[in-house]
C-alpha atoms as a PDB file:
ATOM      1  CA  MET A   1     -29.422 -13.662 -14.079  1.00  0.00           C
ATOM      2  CA  ARG A   2     -30.770 -11.689 -11.114  1.00  0.00           C
ATOM      3  CA  SER A   3     -28.491 -12.333  -8.138  1.00  0.00           C
ATOM      4  CA  ALA A   4     -31.302 -11.465  -5.768  1.00  0.00           C
ATOM      5  CA  GLU A   5     -33.030 -14.716  -6.885  1.00  0.00           C
ATOM      6  CA  ILE A   6     -30.061 -16.662  -5.524  1.00  0.00           C
ATOM      7  CA  LEU A   7     -29.183 -14.507  -2.542  1.00  0.00           C
ATOM      8  CA  SER A   8     -32.702 -14.858  -1.126  1.00  0.00           C
ATOM      9  CA  ILE A   9     -32.432 -18.650  -1.065  1.00  0.00           C
ATOM     10  CA  GLY A  10     -31.282 -20.059   2.348  1.00  0.00           C
ATOM     11  CA  ARG A  11     -31.557 -16.712   4.105  1.00  0.00           C
ATOM     12  CA  GLY A  12     -32.807 -18.412   7.267  1.00  0.00           C
ATOM     13  CA  ASP A  13     -29.642 -20.556   7.488  1.00  0.00           C
ATOM     14  CA  PRO A  14     -27.038 -18.700   9.718  1.00  0.00           C
ATOM     15  CA  SER A  15     -24.170 -20.659   7.984  1.00  0.00           C
ATOM     16  CA  PHE A  16     -25.471 -19.865   4.435  1.00  0.00           C
ATOM     17  CA  ALA A  17     -23.543 -16.610   3.998  1.00  0.00           C
ATOM     18  CA  SER A  18     -20.224 -18.253   4.986  1.00  0.00           C
ATOM     19  CA  THR A  19     -20.857 -21.216   2.676  1.00  0.00           C
ATOM     20  CA  PHE A  20     -21.930 -18.992  -0.093  1.00  0.00           C
ATOM     21  CA  SER A  21     -18.921 -16.620   0.013  1.00  0.00           C
ATOM     22  CA  THR A  22     -16.324 -19.442   0.624  1.00  0.00           C
ATOM     23  CA  SER A  23     -17.402 -21.409  -2.460  1.00  0.00           C
ATOM     24  CA  LEU A  24     -17.704 -18.213  -4.426  1.00  0.00           C
ATOM     25  CA  LEU A  25     -13.879 -17.647  -4.759  1.00  0.00           C
ATOM     26  CA  ASP A  26     -12.889 -21.353  -5.082  1.00  0.00           C
ATOM     27  CA  PRO A  27     -13.897 -22.893  -8.405  1.00  0.00           C
ATOM     28  CA  GLU A  28     -13.015 -26.327  -7.066  1.00  0.00           C
ATOM     29  CA  GLN A  29     -15.820 -26.241  -4.622  1.00  0.00           C
ATOM     30  CA  ARG A  30     -19.376 -27.221  -5.671  1.00  0.00           C
ATOM     31  CA  THR A  31     -22.372 -24.869  -5.602  1.00  0.00           C
ATOM     32  CA  PRO A  32     -23.721 -24.830  -2.065  1.00  0.00           C
ATOM     33  CA  ALA A  33     -26.331 -27.448  -1.701  1.00  0.00           C
ATOM     34  CA  SER A  34     -28.801 -24.960  -0.189  1.00  0.00           C
ATOM     35  CA  LEU A  35     -28.679 -22.795  -3.251  1.00  0.00           C
ATOM     36  CA  VAL A  36     -31.417 -23.345  -5.760  1.00  0.00           C
ATOM     37  CA  GLY A  37     -32.814 -21.288  -8.653  1.00  0.00           C
ATOM     38  CA  PRO A  38     -36.405 -20.274  -9.430  1.00  0.00           C
ATOM     39  CA  HIS A  39     -39.010 -23.057  -9.168  1.00  0.00           C
ATOM     40  CA  GLY A  40     -36.506 -25.281  -7.327  1.00  0.00           C
ATOM     41  CA  LYS A  41     -34.221 -25.904 -10.225  1.00  0.00           C
ATOM     42  CA  GLY A  42     -30.500 -26.233  -9.990  1.00  0.00           C
ATOM     43  CA  ALA A  43     -28.450 -23.058  -9.674  1.00  0.00           C
ATOM     44  CA  ASP A  44     -25.030 -24.264 -10.895  1.00  0.00           C
ATOM     45  CA  LYS A  45     -24.981 -22.083 -14.017  1.00  0.00           C
ATOM     46  CA  ARG A  46     -26.304 -18.979 -12.217  1.00  0.00           C
ATOM     47  CA  TYR A  47     -23.835 -19.447  -9.414  1.00  0.00           C
ATOM     48  CA  ASN A  48     -20.892 -19.922 -11.752  1.00  0.00           C
ATOM     49  CA  VAL A  49     -21.840 -16.752 -13.624  1.00  0.00           C
ATOM     50  CA  TYR A  50     -21.947 -14.906 -10.374  1.00  0.00           C
ATOM     51  CA  ARG A  51     -18.655 -16.485  -9.237  1.00  0.00           C
ATOM     52  CA  ASN A  52     -17.001 -15.327 -12.481  1.00  0.00           C
ATOM     53  CA  ASN A  53     -18.342 -11.775 -12.132  1.00  0.00           C
ATOM     54  CA  VAL A  54     -17.082 -11.458  -8.569  1.00  0.00           C
ATOM     55  CA  THR A  55     -13.627 -12.711  -9.525  1.00  0.00           C
ATOM     56  CA  VAL A  56     -13.320 -10.458 -12.542  1.00  0.00           C
ATOM     57  CA  SER A  57     -14.415  -7.470 -10.396  1.00  0.00           C
ATOM     58  CA  LEU A  58     -11.693  -8.200  -7.864  1.00  0.00           C
ATOM     59  CA  ILE A  59      -9.076  -8.693 -10.504  1.00  0.00           C
ATOM     60  CA  GLU A  60     -10.048  -5.312 -11.952  1.00  0.00           C
ATOM     61  CA  ALA A  61      -9.835  -3.738  -8.546  1.00  0.00           C
ATOM     62  CA  LEU A  62      -6.313  -5.024  -8.098  1.00  0.00           C
ATOM     63  CA  ALA A  63      -5.302  -3.766 -11.572  1.00  0.00           C
ATOM     64  CA  ALA A  64      -6.613  -0.348 -10.613  1.00  0.00           C
ATOM     65  CA  ILE A  65      -4.609  -0.350  -7.400  1.00  0.00           C
ATOM     66  CA  PHE A  66      -1.495  -1.757  -8.924  1.00  0.00           C
ATOM     67  CA  PRO A  67      -1.218  -0.237 -12.467  1.00  0.00           C
ATOM     68  CA  ALA A  68       2.580  -0.149 -12.569  1.00  0.00           C
ATOM     69  CA  THR A  69       2.765  -3.760 -11.457  1.00  0.00           C
ATOM     70  CA  GLN A  70       0.406  -4.809 -14.204  1.00  0.00           C
ATOM     71  CA  ARG A  71       2.415  -2.813 -16.826  1.00  0.00           C
ATOM     72  CA  ILE A  72       5.544  -4.537 -15.809  1.00  0.00           C
ATOM     73  CA  THR A  73       4.134  -8.053 -15.911  1.00  0.00           C
ATOM     74  CA  GLY A  74       1.671  -7.629 -18.679  1.00  0.00           C
ATOM     75  CA  PRO A  75      -2.156  -7.957 -18.302  1.00  0.00           C
ATOM     76  CA  ASP A  76      -2.312 -11.742 -18.848  1.00  0.00           C
ATOM     77  CA  PHE A  77       0.393 -12.466 -16.241  1.00  0.00           C
ATOM     78  CA  PHE A  78      -1.017 -10.041 -13.806  1.00  0.00           C
ATOM     79  CA  ARG A  79      -4.630 -11.365 -14.109  1.00  0.00           C
ATOM     80  CA  ALA A  80      -3.342 -14.914 -13.495  1.00  0.00           C
ATOM     81  CA  MET A  81      -1.372 -13.857 -10.511  1.00  0.00           C
ATOM     82  CA  ALA A  82      -4.268 -11.866  -9.189  1.00  0.00           C
ATOM     83  CA  ARG A  83      -6.546 -14.724  -9.559  1.00  0.00           C
ATOM     84  CA  PHE A  84      -4.476 -16.928  -7.404  1.00  0.00           C
ATOM     85  CA  HIS A  85      -4.192 -14.157  -4.857  1.00  0.00           C
ATOM     86  CA  ILE A  86      -7.960 -13.730  -4.692  1.00  0.00           C
ATOM     87  CA  ARG A  87      -8.457 -17.362  -3.979  1.00  0.00           C
ATOM     88  CA  GLU A  88      -5.814 -17.348  -1.293  1.00  0.00           C
ATOM     89  CA  THR A  89      -6.831 -14.058   0.297  1.00  0.00           C
ATOM     90  CA  PRO A  90     -10.337 -12.963  -0.289  1.00  0.00           C
ATOM     91  CA  PRO A  91     -11.467  -9.463   0.678  1.00  0.00           C
ATOM     92  CA  THR A  92     -12.646  -8.722   4.241  1.00  0.00           C
ATOM     93  CA  SER A  93     -14.049  -5.233   3.554  1.00  0.00           C
ATOM     94  CA  PRO A  94     -16.901  -4.160   1.296  1.00  0.00           C
ATOM     95  CA  LEU A  95     -14.704  -1.245   0.190  1.00  0.00           C
ATOM     96  CA  LEU A  96     -12.620  -2.414  -2.797  1.00  0.00           C
ATOM     97  CA  PHE A  97      -9.994   0.255  -2.399  1.00  0.00           C
ATOM     98  CA  GLU A  98      -8.969  -1.410   0.922  1.00  0.00           C
ATOM     99  CA  TYR A  99      -8.323  -4.696  -0.875  1.00  0.00           C
ATOM    100  CA  GLY A 100      -4.759  -5.714  -1.804  1.00  0.00           C
ATOM    101  CA  HIS A 101      -2.654  -4.996   1.348  1.00  0.00           C
ATOM    102  CA  ASP A 102      -1.427  -8.587   1.184  1.00  0.00           C
ATOM    103  CA  PHE A 103      -0.785  -8.642  -2.502  1.00  0.00           C
ATOM    104  CA  PRO A 104       2.878  -7.423  -2.355  1.00  0.00           C
ATOM    105  CA  ALA A 105       3.840 -10.293   0.044  1.00  0.00           C
ATOM    106  CA  PHE A 106       1.872 -12.792  -2.196  1.00  0.00           C
ATOM    107  CA  ILE A 107       3.981 -11.420  -5.229  1.00  0.00           C
ATOM    108  CA  ASP A 108       7.184 -12.006  -3.189  1.00  0.00           C
ATOM    109  CA  ALA A 109       6.231 -15.680  -2.789  1.00  0.00           C
ATOM    110  CA  TYR A 110       4.621 -16.254  -6.164  1.00  0.00           C
ATOM    111  CA  GLU A 111       6.558 -18.838  -7.980  1.00  0.00           C
ATOM    112  CA  TYR A 112       6.277 -17.295 -11.457  1.00  0.00           C
ATOM    113  CA  ALA A 113       7.437 -13.786 -10.306  1.00  0.00           C
ATOM    114  CA  GLN A 114      10.715 -14.984  -8.820  1.00  0.00           C
ATOM    115  CA  SER A 115      12.629 -13.601 -11.821  1.00  0.00           C
ATOM    116  CA  MET A 116      11.335 -10.037 -10.888  1.00  0.00           C
ATOM    117  CA  PRO A 117      12.478  -9.957  -7.143  1.00  0.00           C
ATOM    118  CA  TRP A 118      11.782  -6.202  -7.018  1.00  0.00           C
ATOM    119  CA  LEU A 119       8.184  -6.585  -8.173  1.00  0.00           C
ATOM    120  CA  GLY A 120       6.758  -6.946  -4.586  1.00  0.00           C
ATOM    121  CA  ASP A 121       8.339  -3.651  -3.534  1.00  0.00           C
ATOM    122  CA  VAL A 122       6.888  -1.834  -6.562  1.00  0.00           C
ATOM    123  CA  ALA A 123       3.510  -3.137  -5.548  1.00  0.00           C
ATOM    124  CA  ARG A 124       4.191  -1.899  -1.918  1.00  0.00           C
ATOM    125  CA  LEU A 125       4.794   1.492  -3.273  1.00  0.00           C
ATOM    126  CA  GLU A 126       1.638   1.414  -5.158  1.00  0.00           C
ATOM    127  CA  ARG A 127      -0.380   0.338  -2.191  1.00  0.00           C
ATOM    128  CA  ALA A 128       1.281   2.977  -0.003  1.00  0.00           C
ATOM    129  CA  TRP A 129       0.297   5.533  -2.746  1.00  0.00           C
ATOM    130  CA  LEU A 130      -3.411   4.625  -2.423  1.00  0.00           C
ATOM    131  CA  ASP A 131      -3.264   4.577   1.320  1.00  0.00           C
ATOM    132  CA  ALA A 132      -1.717   8.000   1.330  1.00  0.00           C
ATOM    133  CA  TYR A 133      -4.354   9.246  -1.005  1.00  0.00           C
ATOM    134  CA  HIS A 134      -7.211   8.086   1.283  1.00  0.00           C
ATOM    135  CA  ALA A 135      -5.455   9.220   4.492  1.00  0.00           C
ATOM    136  CA  ALA A 136      -6.990  11.979   6.623  1.00  0.00           C
ATOM    137  CA  ASP A 137      -6.161  15.629   6.073  1.00  0.00           C
ATOM    138  CA  CYS A 138      -4.047  17.451   8.675  1.00  0.00           C
ATOM    139  CA  PRO A 139      -2.146  20.646   8.976  1.00  0.00           C
ATOM    140  CA  VAL A 140       1.653  20.254   8.729  1.00  0.00           C
ATOM    141  CA  ILE A 141       4.561  22.020  10.410  1.00  0.00           C
ATOM    142  CA  SER A 142       6.415  24.793   8.518  1.00  0.00           C
ATOM    143  CA  ALA A 143       9.967  25.954   8.380  1.00  0.00           C
ATOM    144  CA  ASP A 144       8.913  28.776  10.648  1.00  0.00           C
ATOM    145  CA  ASP A 145       7.704  26.276  13.300  1.00  0.00           C
ATOM    146  CA  LEU A 146      11.180  24.730  13.419  1.00  0.00           C
ATOM    147  CA  ALA A 147      12.875  28.126  13.375  1.00  0.00           C
ATOM    148  CA  ARG A 148      11.109  28.977  16.603  1.00  0.00           C
ATOM    149  CA  VAL A 149      12.829  26.048  18.372  1.00  0.00           C
ATOM    150  CA  ALA A 150      15.760  27.096  20.533  1.00  0.00           C
ATOM    151  CA  PRO A 151      19.061  25.591  19.215  1.00  0.00           C
ATOM    152  CA  ASP A 152      19.767  23.837  22.498  1.00  0.00           C
ATOM    153  CA  GLU A 153      16.284  22.162  22.443  1.00  0.00           C
ATOM    154  CA  LEU A 154      16.656  20.765  18.877  1.00  0.00           C
ATOM    155  CA  PRO A 155      18.444  17.539  19.790  1.00  0.00           C
ATOM    156  CA  ASP A 156      15.433  16.596  22.024  1.00  0.00           C
ATOM    157  CA  LEU A 157      12.795  17.617  19.568  1.00  0.00           C
ATOM    158  CA  ARG A 158      10.111  14.999  18.614  1.00  0.00           C
ATOM    159  CA  PHE A 159       7.583  14.840  15.800  1.00  0.00           C
ATOM    160  CA  HIS A 160       4.136  13.712  15.055  1.00  0.00           C
ATOM    161  CA  VAL A 161       3.625  12.015  11.692  1.00  0.00           C
ATOM    162  CA  HIS A 162       1.083  13.106   9.190  1.00  0.00           C
ATOM    163  CA  PRO A 163      -1.578  10.303   8.487  1.00  0.00           C
ATOM    164  CA  ALA A 164      -0.621  10.179   4.794  1.00  0.00           C
ATOM    165  CA  THR A 165       3.123   9.586   5.464  1.00  0.00           C
ATOM    166  CA  ARG A 166       4.551   6.260   4.395  1.00  0.00           C
ATOM    167  CA  ILE A 167       8.245   5.189   4.245  1.00  0.00           C
ATOM    168  CA  LEU A 168       9.483   2.208   2.242  1.00  0.00           C
ATOM    169  CA  SER A 169      13.003   0.721   2.070  1.00  0.00           C
ATOM    170  CA  SER A 170      13.778  -1.570  -0.845  1.00  0.00           C
ATOM    171  CA  GLY A 171      16.871  -3.578  -1.734  1.00  0.00           C
ATOM    172  CA  PHE A 172      16.174  -2.778  -5.275  1.00  0.00           C
ATOM    173  CA  PRO A 173      15.620   0.398  -7.435  1.00  0.00           C
ATOM    174  CA  ALA A 174      11.907   0.109  -6.713  1.00  0.00           C
ATOM    175  CA  VAL A 175      11.290   3.861  -6.744  1.00  0.00           C
ATOM    176  CA  THR A 176      12.901   4.227 -10.245  1.00  0.00           C
ATOM    177  CA  ILE A 177      10.941   1.250 -11.483  1.00  0.00           C
ATOM    178  CA  PHE A 178       7.732   2.494  -9.970  1.00  0.00           C
ATOM    179  CA  ALA A 179       8.054   6.015 -11.475  1.00  0.00           C
ATOM    180  CA  ALA A 180       8.997   4.665 -14.941  1.00  0.00           C
ATOM    181  CA  ASN A 181       5.926   2.453 -15.073  1.00  0.00           C
ATOM    182  CA  ARG A 182       3.170   4.627 -13.654  1.00  0.00           C
ATOM    183  CA  GLY A 183       2.637   6.450 -16.904  1.00  0.00           C
ATOM    184  CA  SER A 184       2.343   5.487 -20.518  1.00  0.00           C
ATOM    185  CA  GLU A 185       5.666   6.672 -21.825  1.00  0.00           C
ATOM    186  CA  PRO A 186       8.203   3.967 -23.042  1.00  0.00           C
ATOM    187  CA  VAL A 187      10.345   2.626 -20.336  1.00  0.00           C
ATOM    188  CA  GLY A 188      14.052   2.705 -20.931  1.00  0.00           C
ATOM    189  CA  ARG A 189      16.858   0.600 -19.375  1.00  0.00           C
ATOM    190  CA  ILE A 190      17.470   1.225 -15.651  1.00  0.00           C
ATOM    191  CA  GLU A 191      21.284   1.556 -15.555  1.00  0.00           C
ATOM    192  CA  ARG A 192      21.777   1.924 -11.751  1.00  0.00           C
ATOM    193  CA  ILE A 193      20.760  -1.202  -9.867  1.00  0.00           C
ATOM    194  CA  ALA A 194      20.962  -0.155  -6.197  1.00  0.00           C
ATOM    195  CA  PRO A 195      18.770  -0.118  -3.046  1.00  0.00           C
ATOM    196  CA  GLU A 196      16.283   2.787  -2.845  1.00  0.00           C
ATOM    197  CA  ASP A 197      14.176   4.383  -0.132  1.00  0.00           C
ATOM    198  CA  ALA A 198      10.904   6.065  -0.792  1.00  0.00           C
ATOM    199  CA  LEU A 199       8.840   8.719   1.093  1.00  0.00           C
ATOM    200  CA  ILE A 200       5.163   8.795   0.189  1.00  0.00           C
ATOM    201  CA  THR A 201       3.226  11.869   1.340  1.00  0.00           C
ATOM    202  CA  ARG A 202       0.301  14.014   0.489  1.00  0.00           C
ATOM    203  CA  PRO A 203       1.122  17.536   1.366  1.00  0.00           C
ATOM    204  CA  ASP A 204      -1.843  18.979  -0.488  1.00  0.00           C
ATOM    205  CA  LEU A 205      -4.238  17.231  -2.743  1.00  0.00           C
ATOM    206  CA  GLU A 206      -1.636  15.178  -4.725  1.00  0.00           C
ATOM    207  CA  VAL A 207       0.252  12.142  -3.528  1.00  0.00           C
ATOM    208  CA  VAL A 208       4.026  12.525  -4.009  1.00  0.00           C
ATOM    209  CA  VAL A 209       6.552   9.690  -4.036  1.00  0.00           C
ATOM    210  CA  ARG A 210      10.111  10.972  -3.372  1.00  0.00           C
ATOM    211  CA  LEU A 211      13.439   9.165  -3.675  1.00  0.00           C
ATOM    212  CA  LEU A 212      15.275   9.589  -0.359  1.00  0.00           C
ATOM    213  CA  GLN A 213      19.052   9.963  -0.018  1.00  0.00           C
ATOM    214  CA  PRO A 214      20.763   6.982   1.688  1.00  0.00           C
ATOM    215  CA  GLY A 215      19.992   7.187   5.370  1.00  0.00           C
ATOM    216  CA  GLY A 216      16.729   9.132   4.842  1.00  0.00           C
ATOM    217  CA  ALA A 217      14.475   6.153   5.624  1.00  0.00           C
ATOM    218  CA  ALA A 218      16.426   5.469   8.875  1.00  0.00           C
ATOM    219  CA  PHE A 219      16.139   9.216   9.887  1.00  0.00           C
ATOM    220  CA  LEU A 220      12.319   9.402   9.203  1.00  0.00           C
ATOM    221  CA  ILE A 221      11.492   5.981  10.630  1.00  0.00           C
ATOM    222  CA  CYS A 222      13.231   6.927  13.918  1.00  0.00           C
ATOM    223  CA  LEU A 223      11.318  10.106  14.205  1.00  0.00           C
ATOM    224  CA  ALA A 224       8.004   8.384  13.195  1.00  0.00           C
ATOM    225  CA  ASP A 225       8.666   5.857  16.002  1.00  0.00           C
ATOM    226  CA  GLY A 226       8.943   8.667  18.538  1.00  0.00           C
ATOM    227  CA  GLY A 227      12.762   9.021  18.605  1.00  0.00           C
ATOM    228  CA  THR A 228      14.376  12.448  19.145  1.00  0.00           C
ATOM    229  CA  PHE A 229      15.943  14.559  16.433  1.00  0.00           C
ATOM    230  CA  ALA A 230      19.441  13.693  17.756  1.00  0.00           C
ATOM    231  CA  ALA A 231      18.679   9.864  17.682  1.00  0.00           C
ATOM    232  CA  ALA A 232      17.231  10.117  14.126  1.00  0.00           C
ATOM    233  CA  ALA A 233      20.349  11.986  12.934  1.00  0.00           C
ATOM    234  CA  ALA A 234      22.513   9.282  14.503  1.00  0.00           C
ATOM    235  CA  ALA A 235      20.571   6.517  12.839  1.00  0.00           C
ATOM    236  CA  ALA A 236      20.962   8.254   9.391  1.00  0.00           C
ATOM    237  CA  LEU A 237      24.653   8.818   9.875  1.00  0.00           C
ATOM    238  CA  THR A 238      25.181   5.229  10.794  1.00  0.00           C
ATOM    239  CA  VAL A 239      23.760   4.306   7.362  1.00  0.00           C
ATOM    240  CA  ASN A 240      25.386   7.094   5.403  1.00  0.00           C
ATOM    241  CA  PRO A 241      28.247   9.031   7.017  1.00  0.00           C
ATOM    242  CA  ALA A 242      27.741  11.740   4.343  1.00  0.00           C
ATOM    243  CA  PHE A 243      24.080  12.156   5.225  1.00  0.00           C
ATOM    244  CA  ASP A 244      22.803  15.709   4.340  1.00  0.00           C
ATOM    245  CA  LEU A 245      20.889  16.541   7.529  1.00  0.00           C
ATOM    246  CA  ALA A 246      19.949  20.120   6.523  1.00  0.00           C
ATOM    247  CA  GLY A 247      18.799  18.960   3.123  1.00  0.00           C
ATOM    248  CA  MET A 248      16.619  16.122   4.784  1.00  0.00           C
ATOM    249  CA  VAL A 249      15.089  18.661   7.126  1.00  0.00           C
ATOM    250  CA  ALA A 250      14.196  20.961   4.206  1.00  0.00           C
ATOM    251  CA  GLU A 251      12.773  18.059   2.303  1.00  0.00           C
ATOM    252  CA  MET A 252      10.566  16.675   5.040  1.00  0.00           C
ATOM    253  CA  ILE A 253       9.188  20.233   5.613  1.00  0.00           C
ATOM    254  CA  GLU A 254       8.342  20.569   1.922  1.00  0.00           C
ATOM    255  CA  ALA A 255       6.866  17.096   1.767  1.00  0.00           C
ATOM    256  CA  GLY A 256       4.528  17.782   4.744  1.00  0.00           C
ATOM    257  CA  VAL A 257       5.737  14.681   6.649  1.00  0.00           C
ATOM    258  CA  PHE A 258       4.995  15.946  10.201  1.00  0.00           C
ATOM    259  CA  THR A 259       2.084  17.655  11.819  1.00  0.00           C
ATOM    260  CA  GLU A 260       3.507  18.594  15.116  1.00  0.00           C
ATOM    261  CA  ILE A 261       6.821  19.132  17.119  1.00  0.00           C
ATOM    262  CA  TYR A 262       7.139  18.795  20.840  1.00  0.00           C
ATOM    263  CA  LEU A 263       9.671  18.208  23.560  1.00  0.00           C
ATOM    264  CA  GLY A 264       9.474  15.433  26.186  1.00  0.00           C
ATOM    265  CA  ASN A 265       8.884  11.713  25.904  1.00  0.00           C
ATOM    266  CA  SER A 266       7.113  10.095  22.978  1.00  0.00           C
ATOM    267  CA  ASN A 267       3.718  10.134  24.885  1.00  0.00           C
ATOM    268  CA  ASP A 268       3.792  13.857  25.401  1.00  0.00           C
ATOM    269  CA  GLU A 269       0.979  15.376  23.408  1.00  0.00           C
ATOM    270  CA  ASN A 270       2.023  19.046  24.102  1.00  0.00           C
ATOM    271  CA  ALA A 271       3.820  20.889  21.171  1.00  0.00           C
END
């Protein structure tokens, strides 16, 4: 089949593209009436082949974005789940790597995934990994940059976030599950079932997913939202009275979380 033979039909109808694409991802809908094959023949078979190819391509795109999720569920379960998601939420961008932002929320609500309540958060980590990978490059602050800040100014210090930085809080050991299923090695039993927070960054060319100490997500989210260093420390200590502030600062510098430091309100662009 040559898809150009189909796509050329109905080109003069402004509603044709909408009808064509809507029916394309819903097998319950009939072939658009304005769609005909060569010599005026019916196009049902041609359209169904095209419809199947599009669906398979989108399933494969989701499998490439969420490899750990697919490994956990198995290919058959994943493909069935992905097929339902594609029908419910078709892509809006021609760039396939941008597809799947709604997939974790779909997994949360998917009836047959309810026995794996952590699966949606694993998928969120995978989506964040890809977003970090495609984020813009930007220079990051160093330990020397922080060392030049006067001690009495440190509480009022604010930070600009690197475009690749992502922070995820999960009520489950999502980081551990994610790490165990991103490769091909056998997965052992996860002994510690506890909430985990993740920091996703790309300090150089490689995306890094880090397990944060308790309170780390609260600390970084406060800074990312424009809060001061003092406010972020207070937020972290509220979550974890034993929060290691010095260790967190060293980790965020190593991870390349921030690109700029400055004093003043959150709208101040001066370092």
